[in-house]
Amino acid sequence: MTSTASRPATGARTPLPLDVEAIRADFPILSRTVRDGKRLVYLDSGATSQKPRQVLDAERWFYENVNAAPHRGAHQLAEEATGAYEEARAKVGAFIGAPENEVVFTRNTTEAINLVAYALSNAATAKEPEFRTHAVGQGDEIVVTEMEHHANLIPWQQLCERTGATLRWLGLTDDGRLDLSDLATVVNERTRLVAVTQQSNILGTINPIEQIVARAREVGALVLVDGAQSVPHQPIDVAALGADFLVFSGHKMLGPTGVGVLWGRYEVLDALPPFLTGGSMIEVVRMEGSTFMPPPQRFEAGVPMTAQVVGLGAAVEYLTALGMDKVEEHERALTGYALGKLAEIPGVTVIGPPDTVARGGAVSFTVEGVHPHDVGQVLDDLGIAVRVGHHCAWPVVRRYGVPATTRATFYVHTGYDDVDALADGIRAAQKFFGTV
């Protein structure tokens, strides 16, 4: 993390670390206009990121030149498909500091979390003793937090329903941070797994993973980190993270839709039974029964989304070339500037931390007297794309007593001009609805 001394003051317009205009030139969609010729101001990267030409070209290259199923067939195209697929796995592993055999490709973050949840319940009925190591059952507890995206909450609710385990959670403080005052009692000897987001998709809060991991280790619990909003925006090293699992989506980090990643410590992955079964993940098949491949192949049943994986490899290369330290610094500068601009507008309340300390580039807010959906509609009419609603984090909006929020999320192509457009759009919404 950047030291406090190097953080830009909230509202300060310091030089941005990334060349925004040069980066925008790589994104074809950013050259289009919307709503009767208005410039597209895309502030919804937290929902899905736009794709640079390099990613689009990588997917097209695969379909035009290879287009075969990896790990199948003896012909040249199959060999090349296998090489491209595994090369992308190596790129993703290097991006997060992990060996290739710890990187499992899934469809998205949601599937990666469900993979772990179902593996933990499948472990209870596995015939192989080694697969029962991490079985979850009655009397066990799963711990989450009140700020989780539904994708990191509902799978654990369902796991508890299937197994008889109990779901517990850590609450939130009034300023949008995790309340860790009862961490030692919530995470206890009955805890089998702690699932926590590294960066909140609605509050922008960056959580103290190290402290949570340390407590989990004291009681022998596994830790799953939801990195959907952190891996695209800050440097990640899984060895330093200290968790057992990290999950993230390609489409939120400049990559294609339909591909995600589950990273897991190899010894933990190797002790888990499969989630989906079928072709490609087996060693030997007989009518009487089957045996399974080691990780990561054990968790990649069926023909994989090879073109999307190749595209994700290109996205990782693009981000690496920019430098993830610069990406993080860039977004911190934009977030500080945005918080300052919103603070200047009467009636606007930010839901989440009020400064850039342990905070990422997701800024959710309400406008007094105007429903968030109406704010979003006015912004859309001006060509500004934001997200409105509960952001798949319903418990969070309930905690702060609002029906929904308007959310702006930043990325590598975001500039100060985008934030200025947002602030002007909010004022236009206030004027339209007569609240100023």
Protein backbone atom coordinates (compact mmCIF):
# COMPACT_ATOMS: atom_id res chain seq x y z
CA MET A 1 0.00 0.00 0.00
CA THR A 2 1.11 3.56 -0.62
CA SER A 3 2.14 5.48 2.48
CA THR A 4 -0.15 8.16 3.85
CA ALA A 5 2.41 10.83 3.00
CA SER A 6 2.26 9.99 -0.72
CA ARG A 7 -1.53 10.00 -0.96
CA PRO A 8 -3.03 12.93 -2.83
CA ALA A 9 -5.18 15.22 -0.72
CA THR A 10 -8.88 14.68 -1.21
CA GLY A 11 -10.01 16.89 -4.09
CA ALA A 12 -6.46 17.60 -5.31
CA ARG A 13 -5.82 17.49 -9.06
CA THR A 14 -2.33 16.02 -9.11
CA PRO A 15 -0.72 14.67 -12.31
CA LEU A 16 -2.10 11.21 -13.09
CA PRO A 17 0.41 8.35 -13.27
CA LEU A 18 -1.12 6.91 -16.46
CA ASP A 19 -1.41 8.56 -19.88
CA VAL A 20 -5.19 8.58 -20.14
CA GLU A 21 -5.41 9.77 -23.74
CA ALA A 22 -2.94 7.15 -24.97
CA ILE A 23 -4.82 4.42 -23.10
CA ARG A 24 -8.20 5.58 -24.41
CA ALA A 25 -6.88 5.16 -27.95
CA ASP A 26 -6.57 1.42 -27.23
CA PHE A 27 -10.30 1.09 -26.46
CA PRO A 28 -12.45 1.19 -29.61
CA ILE A 29 -15.71 1.61 -27.69
CA LEU A 30 -14.52 4.83 -26.07
CA SER A 31 -14.48 6.55 -29.46
CA ARG A 32 -18.21 6.10 -29.96
CA THR A 33 -20.90 8.56 -28.96
CA VAL A 34 -24.16 7.95 -27.12
CA ARG A 35 -27.45 9.78 -26.57
CA ASP A 36 -27.50 12.02 -29.64
CA GLY A 37 -23.77 12.45 -30.12
CA LYS A 38 -22.54 12.84 -26.56
CA ARG A 39 -19.08 11.58 -25.55
CA LEU A 40 -19.26 8.27 -23.70
CA VAL A 41 -18.14 8.76 -20.10
CA TYR A 42 -17.81 5.20 -18.85
CA LEU A 43 -17.86 5.04 -15.04
CA ASP A 44 -19.12 1.48 -14.61
CA SER A 45 -15.91 -0.57 -14.74
CA GLY A 46 -16.84 -2.18 -11.43
CA ALA A 47 -19.71 -3.93 -13.22
CA THR A 48 -17.70 -4.83 -16.32
CA SER A 49 -14.62 -3.27 -17.84
CA GLN A 50 -14.21 -2.22 -21.45
CA LYS A 51 -11.69 -4.14 -23.58
CA PRO A 52 -8.56 -2.79 -25.26
CA ARG A 53 -7.83 -3.69 -28.87
CA GLN A 54 -5.06 -6.05 -27.73
CA VAL A 55 -7.60 -8.28 -25.97
CA LEU A 56 -10.03 -8.21 -28.88
CA ASP A 57 -7.19 -9.09 -31.27
CA ALA A 58 -6.09 -12.02 -29.09
CA GLU A 59 -9.55 -13.59 -29.15
CA ARG A 60 -9.87 -13.04 -32.90
CA TRP A 61 -6.40 -14.53 -33.45
CA PHE A 62 -7.42 -17.70 -31.66
CA TYR A 63 -10.62 -18.18 -33.66
CA GLU A 64 -9.02 -17.32 -37.00
CA ASN A 65 -5.82 -19.33 -36.58
CA VAL A 66 -6.32 -22.13 -34.03
CA ASN A 67 -9.89 -22.80 -32.86
CA ALA A 68 -9.43 -26.30 -31.50
CA ALA A 69 -10.11 -27.92 -28.15
CA PRO A 70 -7.06 -27.99 -25.84
CA HIS A 71 -5.86 -31.21 -24.19
CA ARG A 72 -7.67 -33.22 -26.89
CA GLY A 73 -6.59 -34.52 -30.26
CA ALA A 74 -3.20 -35.19 -31.80
CA HIS A 75 -3.40 -32.75 -34.70
CA GLN A 76 -1.50 -29.49 -34.96
CA LEU A 77 -4.43 -27.21 -34.13
CA ALA A 78 -5.13 -29.14 -30.93
CA GLU A 79 -1.48 -28.88 -29.95
CA GLU A 80 -1.48 -25.14 -30.60
CA ALA A 81 -4.73 -24.68 -28.65
CA THR A 82 -3.22 -26.52 -25.69
CA GLY A 83 -0.13 -24.35 -25.88
CA ALA A 84 -2.13 -21.12 -26.02
CA TYR A 85 -4.38 -22.20 -23.15
CA GLU A 86 -1.53 -23.20 -20.88
CA GLU A 87 0.53 -20.14 -21.82
CA ALA A 88 -2.36 -17.98 -20.63
CA ARG A 89 -2.48 -19.97 -17.39
CA ALA A 90 1.19 -19.18 -16.84
CA LYS A 91 0.58 -15.46 -17.50
CA VAL A 92 -2.27 -15.33 -15.00
CA GLY A 93 -0.21 -17.20 -12.43
CA ALA A 94 2.71 -14.81 -12.83
CA PHE A 95 0.31 -11.85 -12.51
CA ILE A 96 -0.71 -12.94 -9.00
CA GLY A 97 2.57 -14.61 -8.00
CA ALA A 98 1.28 -18.18 -8.22
CA PRO A 99 2.60 -21.38 -9.86
CA GLU A 100 0.62 -22.58 -12.86
CA ASN A 101 -0.74 -25.68 -11.13
CA GLU A 102 -2.60 -23.49 -8.62
CA VAL A 103 -4.59 -21.58 -11.28
CA VAL A 104 -8.03 -22.98 -12.14
CA PHE A 105 -10.09 -21.39 -14.91
CA THR A 106 -13.81 -20.93 -14.25
CA ARG A 107 -16.56 -18.91 -15.93
CA ASN A 108 -16.39 -16.05 -13.40
CA THR A 109 -15.92 -15.20 -9.72
CA THR A 110 -19.36 -16.56 -8.86
CA GLU A 111 -18.59 -19.99 -10.29
CA ALA A 112 -15.20 -20.03 -8.55
CA ILE A 113 -16.83 -19.41 -5.17
CA ASN A 114 -19.50 -22.02 -5.84
CA LEU A 115 -16.77 -24.48 -6.84
CA VAL A 116 -15.21 -24.17 -3.40
CA ALA A 117 -18.56 -24.23 -1.60
CA TYR A 118 -19.73 -27.40 -3.37
CA ALA A 119 -16.36 -29.07 -2.96
CA LEU A 120 -16.56 -28.51 0.80
CA SER A 121 -20.01 -30.13 0.98
CA ASN A 122 -19.07 -32.90 -1.47
CA ALA A 123 -16.17 -33.73 0.81
CA ALA A 124 -18.59 -35.01 3.46
CA THR A 125 -19.76 -37.85 1.19
CA ALA A 126 -16.53 -38.53 -0.70
CA LYS A 127 -15.46 -42.17 -0.65
CA GLU A 128 -11.78 -41.21 -0.84
CA PRO A 129 -10.43 -40.45 2.66
CA GLU A 130 -8.13 -37.72 1.35
CA PHE A 131 -11.14 -35.82 0.00
CA ARG A 132 -12.78 -35.64 3.42
CA THR A 133 -10.05 -33.42 4.90
CA HIS A 134 -12.03 -30.18 4.63
CA ALA A 135 -15.56 -31.56 4.93
CA VAL A 136 -18.12 -29.17 6.39
CA GLY A 137 -20.95 -30.54 8.52
CA GLN A 138 -23.27 -29.93 11.43
CA GLY A 139 -21.62 -27.98 14.23
CA ASP A 140 -19.18 -26.25 11.88
CA GLU A 141 -19.34 -22.54 11.11
CA ILE A 142 -18.72 -20.43 8.01
CA VAL A 143 -17.86 -16.75 8.50
CA VAL A 144 -18.57 -13.95 6.00
CA THR A 145 -19.00 -10.18 6.33
CA GLU A 146 -21.93 -7.84 6.00
CA MET A 147 -20.30 -6.08 3.02
CA GLU A 148 -20.11 -9.10 0.72
CA HIS A 149 -21.39 -9.18 -2.84
CA HIS A 150 -24.24 -11.69 -3.11
CA ALA A 151 -21.82 -14.02 -4.94
CA ASN A 152 -19.79 -14.33 -1.74
CA LEU A 153 -22.79 -14.67 0.53
CA ILE A 154 -25.48 -16.85 -1.03
CA PRO A 155 -23.18 -19.83 -1.84
CA TRP A 156 -22.24 -19.97 1.84
CA GLN A 157 -25.87 -19.68 2.94
CA GLN A 158 -26.61 -22.62 0.66
CA LEU A 159 -23.61 -24.59 1.93
CA CYS A 160 -24.92 -24.20 5.46
CA GLU A 161 -28.38 -25.36 4.39
CA ARG A 162 -26.92 -28.44 2.70
CA THR A 163 -24.62 -29.42 5.56
CA GLY A 164 -26.20 -28.14 8.78
CA ALA A 165 -23.34 -25.73 9.39
CA THR A 166 -23.98 -22.24 10.81
CA LEU A 167 -23.35 -18.95 9.02
CA ARG A 168 -21.87 -16.11 11.06
CA TRP A 169 -20.68 -12.68 9.96
CA LEU A 170 -18.68 -9.58 10.83
CA GLY A 171 -20.60 -6.29 10.79
CA LEU A 172 -19.83 -2.80 9.51
CA THR A 173 -18.92 0.48 11.15
CA ASP A 174 -20.78 3.70 10.42
CA ASP A 175 -17.99 4.90 8.09
CA GLY A 176 -18.11 1.82 5.86
CA ARG A 177 -15.38 -0.37 7.30
CA LEU A 178 -15.40 -3.84 8.79
CA ASP A 179 -16.12 -3.97 12.50
CA LEU A 180 -13.42 -6.32 13.78
CA SER A 181 -14.11 -5.74 17.47
CA ASP A 182 -15.54 -9.26 17.82
CA LEU A 183 -13.25 -10.98 15.31
CA ALA A 184 -11.84 -13.30 17.99
CA THR A 185 -15.28 -14.57 18.96
CA VAL A 186 -16.90 -14.75 15.51
CA VAL A 187 -13.90 -16.62 14.09
CA ASN A 188 -13.44 -19.45 16.58
CA GLU A 189 -12.55 -23.13 16.87
CA ARG A 190 -15.76 -24.13 15.06
CA THR A 191 -14.95 -21.96 12.03
CA ARG A 192 -14.12 -24.00 8.94
CA LEU A 193 -13.81 -21.16 6.44
CA VAL A 194 -13.77 -17.36 6.36
CA ALA A 195 -14.93 -15.75 3.08
CA VAL A 196 -14.18 -12.03 2.73
CA THR A 197 -13.96 -9.47 -0.03
CA GLN A 198 -10.64 -7.71 -0.40
CA GLN A 199 -12.31 -4.59 -1.78
CA SER A 200 -16.01 -3.82 -1.46
CA ASN A 201 -17.80 -3.34 -4.76
CA ILE A 202 -20.18 -0.77 -3.25
CA LEU A 203 -18.21 0.96 -0.49
CA GLY A 204 -14.74 0.88 -2.04
CA THR A 205 -13.35 -0.27 1.32
CA ILE A 206 -10.11 -2.26 1.20
CA ASN A 207 -10.23 -4.76 4.03
CA PRO A 208 -7.40 -5.77 6.40
CA ILE A 209 -6.96 -9.27 4.98
CA GLU A 210 -3.75 -9.88 6.90
CA GLN A 211 -5.50 -9.47 10.25
CA ILE A 212 -8.36 -11.75 9.24
CA VAL A 213 -6.02 -14.41 7.87
CA ALA A 214 -3.96 -14.32 11.06
CA ARG A 215 -7.04 -15.02 13.19
CA ALA A 216 -8.19 -17.79 10.86
CA ARG A 217 -4.79 -19.45 11.09
CA GLU A 218 -5.03 -19.44 14.89
CA VAL A 219 -8.14 -21.64 14.73
CA GLY A 220 -7.20 -23.71 11.67
CA ALA A 221 -9.80 -22.20 9.32
CA LEU A 222 -9.46 -21.79 5.57
CA VAL A 223 -9.71 -18.29 4.03
CA LEU A 224 -11.27 -17.40 0.68
CA VAL A 225 -10.68 -13.88 -0.63
CA ASP A 226 -13.04 -12.37 -3.18
CA GLY A 227 -10.68 -10.42 -5.42
CA ALA A 228 -13.17 -9.43 -8.12
CA GLN A 229 -12.71 -5.75 -7.24
CA SER A 230 -9.08 -5.88 -6.09
CA VAL A 231 -7.13 -7.97 -8.59
CA PRO A 232 -7.96 -5.57 -11.47
CA HIS A 233 -6.91 -2.51 -9.49
CA GLN A 234 -3.90 -3.22 -7.26
CA PRO A 235 -0.82 -5.43 -7.20
CA ILE A 236 -1.59 -8.87 -5.77
CA ASP A 237 0.85 -11.49 -4.55
CA VAL A 238 -0.91 -14.57 -3.24
CA ALA A 239 2.09 -15.57 -1.12
CA ALA A 240 1.92 -12.24 0.72
CA LEU A 241 -1.89 -12.42 0.87
CA GLY A 242 -1.65 -15.58 2.97
CA ALA A 243 -5.11 -16.91 2.10
CA ASP A 244 -6.05 -20.35 0.80
CA PHE A 245 -8.20 -19.20 -2.12
CA LEU A 246 -8.43 -16.09 -4.29
CA VAL A 247 -11.20 -15.65 -6.87
CA PHE A 248 -11.64 -13.06 -9.61
CA SER A 249 -13.26 -12.42 -13.01
CA GLY A 250 -11.66 -11.68 -16.37
CA HIS A 251 -14.33 -9.24 -17.52
CA LYS A 252 -13.59 -6.83 -14.66
CA MET A 253 -9.88 -6.61 -15.57
CA LEU A 254 -10.05 -5.71 -19.29
CA GLY A 255 -10.55 -9.36 -20.26
CA PRO A 256 -13.42 -11.19 -21.95
CA THR A 257 -16.67 -12.22 -20.34
CA GLY A 258 -17.13 -15.89 -19.55
CA VAL A 259 -13.78 -16.52 -17.87
CA GLY A 260 -12.73 -16.29 -14.24
CA VAL A 261 -10.03 -17.66 -11.97
CA LEU A 262 -9.84 -19.69 -8.81
CA TRP A 263 -6.40 -19.66 -7.26
CA GLY A 264 -5.88 -22.12 -4.44
CA ARG A 265 -2.93 -23.35 -2.42
CA TYR A 266 -2.03 -26.61 -4.10
CA GLU A 267 -2.20 -28.76 -1.00
CA VAL A 268 -5.72 -27.45 -0.32
CA LEU A 269 -6.89 -27.91 -3.91
CA ASP A 270 -5.43 -31.42 -3.96
CA ALA A 271 -7.49 -32.35 -0.88
CA LEU A 272 -10.80 -31.24 -2.45
CA PRO A 273 -13.17 -33.44 -4.47
CA PRO A 274 -14.38 -32.12 -7.84
CA PHE A 275 -17.35 -29.83 -8.28
CA LEU A 276 -18.28 -30.64 -11.90
CA THR A 277 -17.43 -34.00 -13.44
CA GLY A 278 -17.14 -35.29 -17.00
CA GLY A 279 -14.51 -35.15 -19.70
CA SER A 280 -10.97 -33.83 -19.29
CA MET A 281 -10.85 -34.04 -15.49
CA ILE A 282 -10.49 -37.82 -15.19
CA GLU A 283 -7.57 -40.25 -14.96
CA VAL A 284 -9.28 -43.62 -15.48
CA VAL A 285 -12.94 -44.36 -16.22
CA ARG A 286 -14.57 -47.76 -15.72
CA MET A 287 -18.23 -48.63 -15.45
CA GLU A 288 -17.61 -49.41 -11.78
CA GLY A 289 -16.13 -45.99 -11.02
CA SER A 290 -13.60 -43.32 -11.99
CA THR A 291 -10.50 -41.57 -10.67
CA PHE A 292 -9.71 -37.89 -11.10
CA MET A 293 -6.83 -35.79 -12.40
CA PRO A 294 -4.79 -33.68 -10.01
CA PRO A 295 -5.44 -29.91 -9.82
CA PRO A 296 -6.00 -27.78 -11.77
CA GLN A 297 -7.45 -30.20 -14.35
CA ARG A 298 -9.66 -31.83 -11.69
CA PHE A 299 -11.73 -28.65 -11.58
CA GLU A 300 -11.92 -27.94 -15.32
CA ALA A 301 -14.46 -30.43 -16.64
CA GLY A 302 -15.46 -30.18 -20.30
CA VAL A 303 -14.04 -28.21 -23.20
CA PRO A 304 -12.86 -24.91 -21.70
CA MET A 305 -13.52 -21.34 -22.86
CA THR A 306 -10.18 -21.28 -24.65
CA ALA A 307 -10.57 -18.06 -26.66
CA GLN A 308 -11.63 -16.22 -23.53
CA VAL A 309 -8.67 -17.60 -21.58
CA VAL A 310 -6.35 -16.42 -24.36
CA GLY A 311 -8.02 -13.01 -24.16
CA LEU A 312 -7.50 -12.93 -20.41
CA GLY A 313 -3.82 -13.65 -20.98
CA ALA A 314 -3.67 -10.59 -23.24
CA ALA A 315 -5.45 -8.47 -20.60
CA VAL A 316 -2.90 -9.53 -18.00
CA GLU A 317 -0.09 -8.54 -20.38
CA TYR A 318 -1.72 -5.15 -20.95
CA LEU A 319 -2.07 -4.44 -17.22
CA THR A 320 1.44 -5.67 -16.52
CA ALA A 321 2.82 -3.30 -19.14
CA LEU A 322 1.00 -0.39 -17.48
CA GLY A 323 2.28 -1.47 -14.06
CA MET A 324 -0.20 -2.42 -11.35
CA ASP A 325 1.46 -0.04 -8.92
CA LYS A 326 0.68 2.80 -11.33
CA VAL A 327 -2.87 1.50 -11.85
CA GLU A 328 -3.42 1.61 -8.10
CA GLU A 329 -1.89 5.07 -7.76
CA HIS A 330 -3.93 6.35 -10.71
CA GLU A 331 -7.21 5.23 -9.20
CA ARG A 332 -6.31 6.56 -5.77
CA ALA A 333 -5.69 10.01 -7.27
CA LEU A 334 -9.02 9.88 -9.13
CA THR A 335 -10.87 8.69 -6.03
CA GLY A 336 -9.47 11.49 -3.91
CA TYR A 337 -10.42 14.00 -6.55
CA ALA A 338 -13.93 12.56 -6.88
CA LEU A 339 -14.53 12.56 -3.14
CA GLY A 340 -13.52 16.22 -3.06
CA LYS A 341 -15.78 17.14 -5.98
CA LEU A 342 -18.78 15.36 -4.46
CA ALA A 343 -18.16 16.99 -1.09
CA GLU A 344 -18.62 20.38 -2.79
CA ILE A 345 -22.17 19.51 -3.87
CA PRO A 346 -24.83 20.17 -1.20
CA GLY A 347 -27.13 17.21 -0.58
CA VAL A 348 -24.69 14.55 -1.81
CA THR A 349 -23.71 11.86 0.72
CA VAL A 350 -20.99 9.30 0.01
CA ILE A 351 -21.79 5.83 1.36
CA GLY A 352 -18.41 4.49 2.41
CA PRO A 353 -15.06 5.79 3.68
CA PRO A 354 -14.75 9.57 3.22
CA ASP A 355 -11.06 9.52 2.22
CA THR A 356 -8.57 7.40 0.26
CA VAL A 357 -7.13 5.52 3.23
CA ALA A 358 -7.55 1.78 2.49
CA ARG A 359 -10.07 2.68 -0.18
CA GLY A 360 -10.43 1.86 -3.87
CA GLY A 361 -12.09 3.55 -6.82
CA ALA A 362 -15.73 2.68 -6.21
CA VAL A 363 -17.68 5.74 -5.06
CA SER A 364 -21.32 5.20 -4.09
CA PHE A 365 -23.49 8.14 -3.16
CA THR A 366 -27.00 9.42 -2.64
CA VAL A 367 -28.49 12.76 -3.66
CA GLU A 368 -30.99 14.27 -1.24
CA GLY A 369 -34.47 14.43 -2.73
CA VAL A 370 -33.61 12.42 -5.86
CA HIS A 371 -33.88 8.63 -6.11
CA PRO A 372 -30.62 6.96 -7.23
CA HIS A 373 -32.35 5.51 -10.28
CA ASP A 374 -33.42 9.01 -11.33
CA VAL A 375 -29.87 10.29 -10.85
CA GLY A 376 -28.65 7.46 -13.06
CA GLN A 377 -31.21 8.31 -15.75
CA VAL A 378 -30.18 11.96 -15.90
CA LEU A 379 -26.51 10.96 -16.06
CA ASP A 380 -27.29 8.50 -18.85
CA ASP A 381 -29.03 11.22 -20.83
CA LEU A 382 -25.74 13.14 -20.59
CA GLY A 383 -23.71 10.17 -21.84
CA ILE A 384 -22.42 9.17 -18.39
CA ALA A 385 -22.65 5.45 -17.60
CA VAL A 386 -22.90 4.62 -13.89
CA ARG A 387 -24.48 1.83 -11.87
CA VAL A 388 -27.61 2.29 -9.77
CA GLY A 389 -29.31 -0.05 -7.30
CA HIS A 390 -28.11 -2.21 -4.42
CA HIS A 391 -25.12 -3.47 -6.45
CA CYS A 392 -25.70 -7.11 -5.49
CA ALA A 393 -24.93 -6.09 -1.92
CA TRP A 394 -28.39 -5.76 -0.42
CA PRO A 395 -27.31 -6.10 3.23
CA VAL A 396 -25.02 -3.08 2.79
CA VAL A 397 -27.72 -0.66 1.66
CA ARG A 398 -29.97 -1.95 4.46
CA ARG A 399 -27.15 -1.32 6.96
CA TYR A 400 -26.92 2.32 5.89
CA GLY A 401 -30.66 2.90 5.60
CA VAL A 402 -30.83 3.77 1.92
CA PRO A 403 -32.92 2.07 -0.80
CA ALA A 404 -30.06 2.12 -3.29
CA THR A 405 -27.08 4.21 -4.36
CA THR A 406 -25.59 5.65 -7.51
CA ARG A 407 -22.10 4.23 -8.04
CA ALA A 408 -19.19 5.49 -10.12
CA THR A 409 -16.22 3.17 -10.63
CA PHE A 410 -12.92 4.14 -12.22
CA TYR A 411 -10.26 2.40 -14.28
CA VAL A 412 -7.14 2.98 -16.34
CA HIS A 413 -8.91 5.08 -19.02
CA THR A 414 -10.68 7.32 -16.49
CA GLY A 415 -9.49 10.91 -16.32
CA TYR A 416 -10.26 14.03 -14.34
CA ASP A 417 -12.55 15.12 -17.17
CA ASP A 418 -14.76 12.08 -16.49
CA VAL A 419 -15.04 12.99 -12.81
CA ASP A 420 -15.83 16.60 -13.70
CA ALA A 421 -18.59 15.35 -16.03
CA LEU A 422 -20.00 13.25 -13.18
CA ALA A 423 -20.10 16.22 -10.80
CA ASP A 424 -21.74 18.43 -13.44
CA GLY A 425 -24.26 15.66 -14.14
CA ILE A 426 -25.23 15.40 -10.48
CA ARG A 427 -25.87 19.14 -10.38
CA ALA A 428 -27.97 18.78 -13.52
CA ALA A 429 -30.03 16.06 -11.80
CA GLN A 430 -30.59 18.32 -8.78
CA LYS A 431 -31.68 21.15 -11.04
CA PHE A 432 -33.97 18.90 -13.09
CA PHE A 433 -35.75 17.61 -9.98
CA GLY A 434 -35.83 21.02 -8.31
CA THR A 435 -33.81 20.16 -5.20
CA VAL A 436 -31.51 23.19 -5.52
